[in-house]
Amino acid sequence: MNNRARFQATMHYQPRDRTPITDFGFWEETFPIWHQQGLPRKVRFSYANSNHIDYFGMDFGIDELSRSTEVRVGLAPAFRHKVLEDRGDHEVRQQADGVRVLRRKFMSSIPQHQGHLLTDRASWEKHYKPRLDPDNPNRFPKDWAERVQRWQDPHRDQIVVLPGGSLYGWLRNWMGVENLSYVVYDEPAWFEEMVTTVADCILGTLRRALASGVQFDACGMWEDMAYNAGPLLSPRHFKQYLVPHYRRITDLLHQHGVDVVWLDCDGNIEKLVPLWLDAGVNCMFPLEIGSWGADPVQYRRQYGRDLLIMGGFDKHILQGSQAAIEQEVRRLAPLVEEG
């Protein structure tokens, strides 16, 4: 089986020669450190140029799949990425989403937000809404036609994944958690307008991509809308404001034969999983274990084959003994073997 056939079989609980060998990705700074520790310097990882897959004996990377089409469903054009202030080991930058953050120069970490362009309706209308036009010609790579021709080969090896964007996570980044939380309660009509505008942009862009006739293998969304105690948005508001738009997106995908829709959300997602499933989002990633003790075995018992899982391995076990790692691998093996 090639990569694509193996991926499709795994995600549909079908027989396969083996399970794909993959990874999520690496901090780019990891490789210079590994080079100092003995990794051959010819082995490299970056979003623009990587050759680590073959060296480590993997089939593909999840992050690589997420970027496979280079279709832009978010802000277009993006804001200019620039350094605003040098603070020695740190610097204040404006990111591509317009947010001003404090970051380390080396060793990436979660950035500290310093300021937001999106603060009120006026800044929404000026800075963000115009960048959410689905008809912007820069949403597709210049070689789109050549890619489409290559992807239309029914025997292709490449797994091609559409981007599905974000309905809450982007807004949370653009405004900050606290500011957006106030908007949900104080200006619900504006919150709904922003969610609808983002969803319309995602839908419009996906329609253009799906019109190519390519049989895409999956769609990947991102939210990061939970922490250790649960979701950042109440399940009631989630169901009221987000679920209808998730359904619009997944209905379109299903019409074109895309039935694997994964969503990347860290934190305790227990209360959101049934709502995502009801909305057509059927694959959770990375199913973070965390201090709340999420368990992929229990999720499989509860949701059966309706729920697809990518991840679900407790990363803290990797700091322990080889025996502890092997014990957890054996515990999860039946899930992996099933699909």
Protein backbone atom coordinates (compact mmCIF):
# COMPACT_ATOMS: atom_id res chain seq x y z
CA MET A 1 0.00 0.00 0.00
CA ASN A 2 1.17 3.54 -0.60
CA ASN A 3 0.87 6.37 1.92
CA ARG A 4 -2.51 7.55 0.75
CA ALA A 5 -4.13 4.10 0.65
CA ARG A 6 -2.72 3.31 4.09
CA PHE A 7 -3.98 6.60 5.54
CA GLN A 8 -7.46 6.12 4.07
CA ALA A 9 -7.69 2.54 5.34
CA THR A 10 -6.57 3.55 8.82
CA MET A 11 -9.05 6.42 9.07
CA HIS A 12 -11.92 4.18 7.93
CA TYR A 13 -11.16 1.13 10.11
CA GLN A 14 -10.27 -0.95 7.07
CA PRO A 15 -7.59 -3.65 6.61
CA ARG A 16 -4.10 -2.36 5.86
CA ASP A 17 -0.57 -3.65 5.69
CA ARG A 18 0.43 -1.57 8.73
CA THR A 19 -0.37 1.65 10.54
CA PRO A 20 1.25 4.84 9.18
CA ILE A 21 4.41 5.98 10.93
CA THR A 22 4.13 9.70 11.46
CA ASP A 23 4.81 12.61 13.78
CA PHE A 24 3.15 15.93 14.47
CA GLY A 25 6.19 18.10 13.89
CA PHE A 26 9.12 19.67 15.71
CA TRP A 27 10.16 23.01 17.03
CA GLU A 28 12.62 24.21 14.40
CA GLU A 29 15.15 24.86 17.19
CA THR A 30 15.16 21.16 18.10
CA PHE A 31 17.36 20.20 15.19
CA PRO A 32 20.31 22.53 15.92
CA ILE A 33 20.37 21.04 19.43
CA TRP A 34 20.21 17.50 18.04
CA HIS A 35 23.02 18.36 15.62
CA GLN A 36 25.18 19.21 18.64
CA GLN A 37 24.21 15.86 20.16
CA GLY A 38 25.19 13.82 17.10
CA LEU A 39 22.41 14.03 14.54
CA PRO A 40 23.99 14.35 11.07
CA ARG A 41 23.89 17.98 10.01
CA LYS A 42 22.42 17.05 6.65
CA VAL A 43 19.17 16.11 8.44
CA ARG A 44 17.00 19.18 8.75
CA PHE A 45 13.48 20.28 9.56
CA SER A 46 11.75 23.50 8.63
CA TYR A 47 8.37 24.38 7.24
CA ALA A 48 10.03 25.30 3.95
CA ASN A 49 12.63 22.55 3.59
CA SER A 50 12.76 19.20 5.39
CA ASN A 51 14.38 15.82 4.84
CA HIS A 52 13.89 14.27 8.28
CA ILE A 53 11.01 11.99 7.22
CA ASP A 54 13.26 9.56 5.34
CA TYR A 55 16.04 9.69 7.92
CA PHE A 56 13.73 8.74 10.80
CA GLY A 57 11.92 6.10 8.74
CA MET A 58 8.54 7.83 8.83
CA ASP A 59 5.87 7.97 6.15
CA PHE A 60 4.81 11.61 6.55
CA GLY A 61 4.28 14.34 9.13
CA ILE A 62 0.90 15.60 10.33
CA ASP A 63 2.08 19.19 10.11
CA GLU A 64 3.21 18.50 6.55
CA LEU A 65 -0.29 17.23 5.70
CA SER A 66 -1.90 20.33 7.18
CA ARG A 67 0.12 22.52 4.81
CA SER A 68 -0.15 20.27 1.75
CA THR A 69 -2.40 22.48 -0.38
CA GLU A 70 -1.08 25.91 0.71
CA VAL A 71 -4.64 27.21 0.34
CA ARG A 72 -5.24 30.19 2.64
CA VAL A 73 -8.67 30.21 4.29
CA GLY A 74 -7.80 32.92 6.83
CA LEU A 75 -6.52 36.48 6.65
CA ALA A 76 -5.49 37.53 3.16
CA PRO A 77 -3.34 39.41 2.89
CA ALA A 78 -1.72 38.57 6.20
CA PHE A 79 -0.31 41.36 8.29
CA ARG A 80 3.33 42.19 7.82
CA HIS A 81 5.54 40.15 10.12
CA LYS A 82 8.00 42.53 11.75
CA VAL A 83 10.15 43.06 14.84
CA LEU A 84 8.93 46.03 16.86
CA GLU A 85 11.33 45.94 19.79
CA ASP A 86 14.57 44.13 20.72
CA ARG A 87 14.80 42.99 24.34
CA GLY A 88 17.98 40.94 24.33
CA ASP A 89 16.99 37.28 24.41
CA HIS A 90 13.43 38.29 23.55
CA GLU A 91 11.79 40.52 20.99
CA VAL A 92 8.38 42.08 20.50
CA ARG A 93 6.96 41.14 17.10
CA GLN A 94 3.88 41.79 15.07
CA GLN A 95 2.64 38.41 13.87
CA ALA A 96 0.94 37.56 10.60
CA ASP A 97 -2.42 37.83 12.40
CA GLY A 98 -1.70 41.39 13.54
CA VAL A 99 -1.18 40.46 17.19
CA ARG A 100 1.77 41.99 19.03
CA VAL A 101 3.61 39.35 21.08
CA LEU A 102 6.73 38.89 23.18
CA ARG A 103 8.76 35.87 22.05
CA ARG A 104 12.12 34.30 22.67
CA LYS A 105 14.64 34.70 19.86
CA PHE A 106 15.66 31.06 20.28
CA MET A 107 13.68 28.12 21.70
CA SER A 108 10.09 28.76 20.68
CA SER A 109 7.42 28.82 23.33
CA ILE A 110 3.86 30.03 23.68
CA PRO A 111 4.11 33.79 23.02
CA GLN A 112 2.96 36.39 25.53
CA HIS A 113 0.39 38.72 24.00
CA GLN A 114 1.35 42.38 24.30
CA GLY A 115 -1.44 44.03 22.34
CA HIS A 116 -4.25 43.47 19.84
CA LEU A 117 -5.37 45.42 16.79
CA LEU A 118 -8.87 43.99 17.13
CA THR A 119 -10.51 45.80 20.03
CA ASP A 120 -13.91 47.00 18.81
CA ARG A 121 -16.25 47.10 15.81
CA ALA A 122 -14.29 49.90 14.16
CA SER A 123 -11.02 47.94 14.23
CA TRP A 124 -12.90 44.84 13.00
CA GLU A 125 -14.22 46.76 10.01
CA LYS A 126 -10.86 48.39 9.30
CA HIS A 127 -8.25 45.70 9.89
CA TYR A 128 -9.88 42.26 9.78
CA LYS A 129 -13.14 42.07 7.88
CA PRO A 130 -11.55 43.24 4.57
CA ARG A 131 -8.98 40.45 4.91
CA LEU A 132 -11.73 37.81 5.03
CA ASP A 133 -12.84 38.07 1.41
CA PRO A 134 -13.03 34.51 0.02
CA ASP A 135 -12.56 35.80 -3.53
CA ASN A 136 -9.11 37.23 -2.84
CA PRO A 137 -6.94 35.78 -5.66
CA ASN A 138 -3.99 35.30 -3.31
CA ARG A 139 -5.71 32.49 -1.44
CA PHE A 140 -4.29 29.89 -3.81
CA PRO A 141 -0.63 29.17 -4.68
CA LYS A 142 0.54 30.36 -8.07
CA ASP A 143 1.06 26.79 -9.28
CA TRP A 144 -2.45 25.69 -8.25
CA ALA A 145 -3.34 24.38 -11.73
CA GLU A 146 -0.22 22.21 -11.83
CA ARG A 147 -0.93 20.85 -8.35
CA VAL A 148 -4.50 20.03 -9.29
CA GLN A 149 -3.33 18.11 -12.34
CA ARG A 150 -0.90 16.13 -10.20
CA TRP A 151 -3.46 15.42 -7.47
CA GLN A 152 -6.07 14.15 -9.93
CA ASP A 153 -4.04 10.97 -10.38
CA PRO A 154 -6.19 8.31 -8.62
CA HIS A 155 -3.06 6.32 -7.77
CA ARG A 156 -1.17 9.21 -6.21
CA ASP A 157 0.89 8.56 -3.09
CA GLN A 158 0.46 12.05 -1.62
CA ILE A 159 -2.19 12.63 1.05
CA VAL A 160 -3.81 15.99 0.30
CA VAL A 161 -5.55 17.76 3.17
CA LEU A 162 -7.65 20.89 2.90
CA PRO A 163 -7.39 23.57 5.59
CA GLY A 164 -10.64 24.08 7.51
CA GLY A 165 -9.67 27.16 9.47
CA SER A 166 -10.97 28.13 12.89
CA LEU A 167 -14.24 29.60 14.14
CA TYR A 168 -13.19 30.54 17.68
CA GLY A 169 -9.43 30.10 17.99
CA TRP A 170 -8.56 32.79 15.45
CA LEU A 171 -10.87 35.31 17.10
CA ARG A 172 -9.41 34.43 20.49
CA ASN A 173 -5.93 35.14 19.15
CA TRP A 174 -6.94 38.35 17.40
CA MET A 175 -8.66 39.82 20.49
CA GLY A 176 -7.28 37.91 23.46
CA VAL A 177 -9.25 35.46 25.61
CA GLU A 178 -10.54 37.99 28.13
CA ASN A 179 -11.60 40.57 25.56
CA LEU A 180 -13.40 38.00 23.40
CA SER A 181 -15.14 36.54 26.45
CA TYR A 182 -16.61 39.95 27.25
CA VAL A 183 -17.77 40.35 23.65
CA VAL A 184 -19.67 37.04 23.81
CA TYR A 185 -21.75 38.39 26.70
CA ASP A 186 -21.82 42.15 26.08
CA GLU A 187 -22.07 42.20 22.27
CA PRO A 188 -23.39 38.80 21.16
CA ALA A 189 -24.61 40.13 17.81
CA TRP A 190 -21.10 41.31 16.97
CA PHE A 191 -19.59 37.99 18.09
CA GLU A 192 -22.04 36.17 15.83
CA GLU A 193 -21.18 38.50 12.95
CA MET A 194 -17.46 37.79 13.33
CA VAL A 195 -17.99 34.02 13.50
CA THR A 196 -20.26 34.16 10.45
CA THR A 197 -17.78 36.27 8.47
CA VAL A 198 -14.94 33.87 9.24
CA ALA A 199 -17.12 30.87 8.34
CA ASP A 200 -18.22 32.52 5.08
CA CYS A 201 -14.57 33.07 4.16
CA ILE A 202 -13.66 29.46 4.90
CA LEU A 203 -16.67 28.16 2.97
CA GLY A 204 -16.08 30.37 -0.04
CA THR A 205 -12.44 29.37 -0.27
CA LEU A 206 -13.21 25.67 0.16
CA ARG A 207 -15.83 25.84 -2.60
CA ARG A 208 -13.17 27.16 -4.97
CA ALA A 209 -10.76 24.38 -3.98
CA LEU A 210 -13.37 21.62 -4.21
CA ALA A 211 -14.46 22.84 -7.64
CA SER A 212 -11.09 21.59 -8.92
CA GLY A 213 -12.45 18.04 -8.93
CA VAL A 214 -9.59 16.74 -6.78
CA GLN A 215 -10.57 14.01 -4.32
CA PHE A 216 -9.12 15.43 -1.13
CA ASP A 217 -8.32 13.02 1.69
CA ALA A 218 -9.26 15.05 4.74
CA CYS A 219 -9.79 18.53 6.12
CA GLY A 220 -7.89 19.86 9.12
CA MET A 221 -9.24 22.53 11.47
CA TRP A 222 -7.67 24.24 14.48
CA GLU A 223 -9.21 25.76 17.59
CA ASP A 224 -7.17 25.44 20.84
CA MET A 225 -10.22 26.58 22.81
CA ALA A 226 -9.85 24.58 26.02
CA TYR A 227 -7.64 24.46 29.10
CA ASN A 228 -7.25 22.00 31.98
CA ALA A 229 -10.71 22.73 33.45
CA GLY A 230 -12.63 22.63 30.18
CA PRO A 231 -13.61 24.86 27.23
CA LEU A 232 -12.98 28.62 27.06
CA LEU A 233 -16.46 29.06 25.59
CA SER A 234 -19.44 27.50 27.35
CA PRO A 235 -21.04 24.48 25.66
CA ARG A 236 -24.27 26.49 25.43
CA HIS A 237 -22.62 29.30 23.47
CA PHE A 238 -20.60 26.77 21.49
CA LYS A 239 -23.80 25.05 20.38
CA GLN A 240 -25.55 28.34 19.67
CA TYR A 241 -22.84 30.17 17.73
CA LEU A 242 -20.34 27.64 16.39
CA VAL A 243 -22.13 24.36 15.67
CA PRO A 244 -24.30 25.76 12.83
CA HIS A 245 -21.19 26.97 11.00
CA TYR A 246 -19.23 23.77 11.59
CA ARG A 247 -22.17 22.00 9.97
CA ARG A 248 -22.08 24.32 6.97
CA ILE A 249 -18.41 23.49 6.48
CA THR A 250 -18.70 19.74 7.04
CA ASP A 251 -21.84 19.47 4.89
CA LEU A 252 -19.91 20.99 1.99
CA LEU A 253 -16.99 18.63 2.56
CA HIS A 254 -19.27 15.59 2.76
CA GLN A 255 -20.91 16.56 -0.54
CA HIS A 256 -17.47 16.23 -2.12
CA GLY A 257 -16.54 12.94 -0.48
CA VAL A 258 -14.35 14.36 2.30
CA ASP A 259 -15.49 12.46 5.41
CA VAL A 260 -12.41 12.83 7.63
CA VAL A 261 -12.49 16.21 9.39
CA TRP A 262 -9.93 16.52 12.13
CA LEU A 263 -9.69 19.30 14.65
CA ASP A 264 -6.59 20.32 16.59
CA CYS A 265 -7.55 21.43 20.09
CA ASP A 266 -5.42 21.17 23.20
CA GLY A 267 -6.84 21.07 26.71
CA ASN A 268 -9.78 19.26 28.28
CA ILE A 269 -12.25 18.82 25.41
CA GLU A 270 -14.57 16.29 27.08
CA LYS A 271 -17.63 18.59 26.97
CA LEU A 272 -17.01 19.62 23.35
CA VAL A 273 -16.42 16.23 21.71
CA PRO A 274 -20.12 15.28 21.42
CA LEU A 275 -20.92 18.73 20.00
CA TRP A 276 -18.16 18.48 17.40
CA LEU A 277 -19.31 15.00 16.43
CA ASP A 278 -22.87 16.25 16.04
CA ALA A 279 -21.51 19.01 13.78
CA GLY A 280 -19.61 16.60 11.53
CA VAL A 281 -16.13 17.10 12.98
CA ASN A 282 -15.17 13.48 13.60
CA CYS A 283 -11.46 13.34 14.43
CA MET A 284 -9.83 14.75 17.57
CA PHE A 285 -6.18 15.73 17.66
CA PRO A 286 -3.99 15.51 19.69
CA LEU A 287 -6.38 14.27 22.42
CA GLU A 288 -4.12 15.73 25.08
CA ILE A 289 -3.98 13.60 28.23
CA GLY A 290 -3.08 16.38 30.66
CA SER A 291 -3.67 16.59 34.40
CA TRP A 292 -7.36 15.80 33.82
CA GLY A 293 -6.47 12.28 32.68
CA ALA A 294 -8.14 11.97 29.29
CA ASP A 295 -8.01 8.38 28.06
CA PRO A 296 -8.35 7.35 24.39
CA VAL A 297 -9.47 3.87 25.47
CA GLN A 298 -12.41 5.38 27.34
CA TYR A 299 -13.21 7.66 24.39
CA ARG A 300 -13.34 4.61 22.12
CA ARG A 301 -15.69 2.85 24.55
CA GLN A 302 -17.95 5.90 24.71
CA TYR A 303 -18.08 6.92 21.04
CA GLY A 304 -17.05 3.78 19.19
CA ARG A 305 -15.99 4.17 15.59
CA ASP A 306 -17.85 7.46 15.21
CA LEU A 307 -14.80 9.16 16.74
CA LEU A 308 -11.40 9.11 15.06
CA ILE A 309 -8.36 9.81 17.22
CA MET A 310 -4.89 11.08 16.34
CA GLY A 311 -2.61 11.27 19.34
CA GLY A 312 -3.76 10.22 22.79
CA PHE A 313 -0.32 9.22 24.12
CA ASP A 314 0.68 10.79 27.43
CA LYS A 315 3.85 12.72 26.59
CA HIS A 316 4.87 12.79 30.26
CA ILE A 317 5.40 9.02 30.14
CA LEU A 318 8.25 9.66 27.70
CA GLN A 319 10.20 11.21 30.59
CA GLY A 320 9.97 7.94 32.50
CA SER A 321 11.47 4.51 32.09
CA GLN A 322 11.58 2.40 28.95
CA ALA A 323 9.34 -0.11 30.73
CA ALA A 324 6.69 2.54 31.41
CA ILE A 325 6.74 3.64 27.76
CA GLU A 326 6.39 0.05 26.54
CA GLN A 327 3.54 -0.59 28.97
CA GLU A 328 1.54 2.37 27.63
CA VAL A 329 2.25 1.39 24.03
CA ARG A 330 0.91 -2.10 24.72
CA ARG A 331 -2.18 -0.65 26.41
CA LEU A 332 -2.99 1.50 23.38
CA ALA A 333 -2.01 -1.11 20.77
CA PRO A 334 -5.55 -2.53 20.32
CA LEU A 335 -6.87 0.93 19.44
CA VAL A 336 -4.10 1.49 16.91
CA GLU A 337 -4.63 -1.93 15.37
CA GLU A 338 -8.38 -1.31 15.01
CA GLY A 339 -7.86 2.01 13.24
